[in-house]
C-alpha atoms as a PDB file:
ATOM      1  CA  UNK A   1      97.659  87.828  62.833  1.00  0.00           C
ATOM      2  CA  UNK A   2      98.393  91.531  62.526  1.00  0.00           C
ATOM      3  CA  UNK A   3      98.347  93.443  65.798  1.00  0.00           C
ATOM      4  CA  UNK A   4      95.951  96.382  66.027  1.00  0.00           C
ATOM      5  CA  UNK A   5      95.970  99.364  68.320  1.00  0.00           C
ATOM      6  CA  UNK A   6      92.574 100.587  69.416  1.00  0.00           C
ATOM      7  CA  UNK A   7      91.799 104.094  70.566  1.00  0.00           C
ATOM      8  CA  UNK A   8      90.024 104.432  73.909  1.00  0.00           C
ATOM      9  CA  UNK A   9      86.868 105.475  72.076  1.00  0.00           C
ATOM     10  CA  UNK A  10      86.980 102.321  69.946  1.00  0.00           C
ATOM     11  CA  UNK A  11      87.514 100.220  73.061  1.00  0.00           C
ATOM     12  CA  UNK A  12      84.482 101.720  74.802  1.00  0.00           C
ATOM     13  CA  UNK A  13      82.399 101.187  71.663  1.00  0.00           C
ATOM     14  CA  UNK A  14      83.470  97.536  71.414  1.00  0.00           C
ATOM     15  CA  UNK A  15      82.807  96.972  75.115  1.00  0.00           C
ATOM     16  CA  UNK A  16      79.288  98.359  74.756  1.00  0.00           C
ATOM     17  CA  UNK A  17      78.589  96.269  71.685  1.00  0.00           C
ATOM     18  CA  UNK A  18      79.974  93.185  73.399  1.00  0.00           C
ATOM     19  CA  UNK A  19      77.850  93.776  76.504  1.00  0.00           C
ATOM     20  CA  UNK A  20      74.785  94.178  74.310  1.00  0.00           C
ATOM     21  CA  UNK A  21      75.515  90.907  72.550  1.00  0.00           C
ATOM     22  CA  UNK A  22      76.127  89.120  75.850  1.00  0.00           C
ATOM     23  CA  UNK A  23      72.818  90.402  77.199  1.00  0.00           C
ATOM     24  CA  UNK A  24      71.103  88.986  74.121  1.00  0.00           C
ATOM     25  CA  UNK A  25      72.462  85.567  75.063  1.00  0.00           C
ATOM     26  CA  UNK A  26      75.442  85.275  72.721  1.00  0.00           C
ATOM     27  CA  UNK A  27      78.364  83.219  74.005  1.00  0.00           C
ATOM     28  CA  UNK A  28      81.504  85.116  74.993  1.00  0.00           C
ATOM     29  CA  UNK A  29      83.637  83.292  72.418  1.00  0.00           C
ATOM     30  CA  UNK A  30      81.246  84.345  69.651  1.00  0.00           C
ATOM     31  CA  UNK A  31      81.258  87.948  70.896  1.00  0.00           C
ATOM     32  CA  UNK A  32      85.060  88.021  70.929  1.00  0.00           C
ATOM     33  CA  UNK A  33      85.208  86.531  67.439  1.00  0.00           C
ATOM     34  CA  UNK A  34      82.685  89.099  66.159  1.00  0.00           C
ATOM     35  CA  UNK A  35      84.605  91.996  67.730  1.00  0.00           C
ATOM     36  CA  UNK A  36      87.956  90.549  66.591  1.00  0.00           C
ATOM     37  CA  UNK A  37      89.392  90.814  70.115  1.00  0.00           C
ATOM     38  CA  UNK A  38      91.348  88.297  72.179  1.00  0.00           C
ATOM     39  CA  UNK A  39      90.078  87.005  75.502  1.00  0.00           C
ATOM     40  CA  UNK A  40      92.880  88.689  77.443  1.00  0.00           C
ATOM     41  CA  UNK A  41      92.273  92.049  75.736  1.00  0.00           C
ATOM     42  CA  UNK A  42      88.557  91.831  76.521  1.00  0.00           C
ATOM     43  CA  UNK A  43      89.162  91.236  80.234  1.00  0.00           C
ATOM     44  CA  UNK A  44      91.884  93.886  80.437  1.00  0.00           C
ATOM     45  CA  UNK A  45      89.626  96.422  78.737  1.00  0.00           C
ATOM     46  CA  UNK A  46      86.721  95.528  81.032  1.00  0.00           C
ATOM     47  CA  UNK A  47      88.930  96.091  84.071  1.00  0.00           C
ATOM     48  CA  UNK A  48      90.274  99.397  82.783  1.00  0.00           C
ATOM     49  CA  UNK A  49      87.344 100.921  80.878  1.00  0.00           C
ATOM     50  CA  UNK A  50      84.303  99.014  82.144  1.00  0.00           C
ATOM     51  CA  UNK A  51      81.345 101.334  82.670  1.00  0.00           C
ATOM     52  CA  UNK A  52      83.062 104.408  81.246  1.00  0.00           C
ATOM     53  CA  UNK A  53      81.681 106.670  78.583  1.00  0.00           C
ATOM     54  CA  UNK A  54      83.680 108.039  75.687  1.00  0.00           C
ATOM     55  CA  UNK A  55      84.115 111.517  77.184  1.00  0.00           C
ATOM     56  CA  UNK A  56      85.261 110.007  80.498  1.00  0.00           C
ATOM     57  CA  UNK A  57      87.926 108.021  78.659  1.00  0.00           C
ATOM     58  CA  UNK A  58      89.188 111.168  76.944  1.00  0.00           C
ATOM     59  CA  UNK A  59      89.393 112.935  80.312  1.00  0.00           C
ATOM     60  CA  UNK A  60      91.245 109.961  81.802  1.00  0.00           C
ATOM     61  CA  UNK A  61      93.832 110.095  79.015  1.00  0.00           C
ATOM     62  CA  UNK A  62      94.295 113.846  79.505  1.00  0.00           C
ATOM     63  CA  UNK A  63      94.820 113.370  83.236  1.00  0.00           C
ATOM     64  CA  UNK A  64      97.324 110.564  82.634  1.00  0.00           C
ATOM     65  CA  UNK A  65      99.330 112.784  80.257  1.00  0.00           C
ATOM     66  CA  UNK A  66      99.264 115.673  82.727  1.00  0.00           C
ATOM     67  CA  UNK A  67     100.297 113.376  85.562  1.00  0.00           C
ATOM     68  CA  UNK A  68     103.275 112.087  83.553  1.00  0.00           C
ATOM     69  CA  UNK A  69     104.319 115.649  82.736  1.00  0.00           C
ATOM     70  CA  UNK A  70     104.129 116.697  86.384  1.00  0.00           C
ATOM     71  CA  UNK A  71     106.093 113.637  87.521  1.00  0.00           C
ATOM     72  CA  UNK A  72     108.846 114.566  85.066  1.00  0.00           C
ATOM     73  CA  UNK A  73     108.940 118.112  86.422  1.00  0.00           C
ATOM     74  CA  UNK A  74     109.207 116.836  90.001  1.00  0.00           C
ATOM     75  CA  UNK A  75     112.009 114.441  89.033  1.00  0.00           C
ATOM     76  CA  UNK A  76     113.936 117.240  87.303  1.00  0.00           C
ATOM     77  CA  UNK A  77     113.542 119.547  90.296  1.00  0.00           C
ATOM     78  CA  UNK A  78     114.693 116.867  92.734  1.00  0.00           C
ATOM     79  CA  UNK A  79     117.818 116.318  90.604  1.00  0.00           C
ATOM     80  CA  UNK A  80     118.506 120.049  90.652  1.00  0.00           C
ATOM     81  CA  UNK A  81     118.101 120.124  94.430  1.00  0.00           C
ATOM     82  CA  UNK A  82     120.502 117.181  94.848  1.00  0.00           C
ATOM     83  CA  UNK A  83     123.100 118.876  92.626  1.00  0.00           C
ATOM     84  CA  UNK A  84     122.800 122.140  94.554  1.00  0.00           C
ATOM     85  CA  UNK A  85     123.247 120.302  97.858  1.00  0.00           C
ATOM     86  CA  UNK A  86     126.417 118.645  96.575  1.00  0.00           C
ATOM     87  CA  UNK A  87     127.757 121.983  95.364  1.00  0.00           C
ATOM     88  CA  UNK A  88     126.975 123.617  98.700  1.00  0.00           C
ATOM     89  CA  UNK A  89     128.870 120.897 100.570  1.00  0.00           C
ATOM     90  CA  UNK A  90     131.857 121.214  98.273  1.00  0.00           C
ATOM     91  CA  UNK A  91     131.842 117.550  97.228  1.00  0.00           C
ATOM     92  CA  UNK A  92     132.456 118.056  93.540  1.00  0.00           C
END
């Protein structure tokens, strides 16, 4: 089976549709088959995106990107500080 990548918006949409189907009394296996999603993906998505709206997911992704960028900046600065300390001690 070909592997698909879903956008966060698609995931939220599928979670909502799946919840609606479950509330109507459909079995989980039938819901997963209808949505074309594996059991593990469904549970992982529920843990990560459960109860979120589409705009909240977009904001989460933006914050994750910004956090990664800031972590990289901090790592670069700490390397620079370590190099300057070594130069100041004369251990080069």
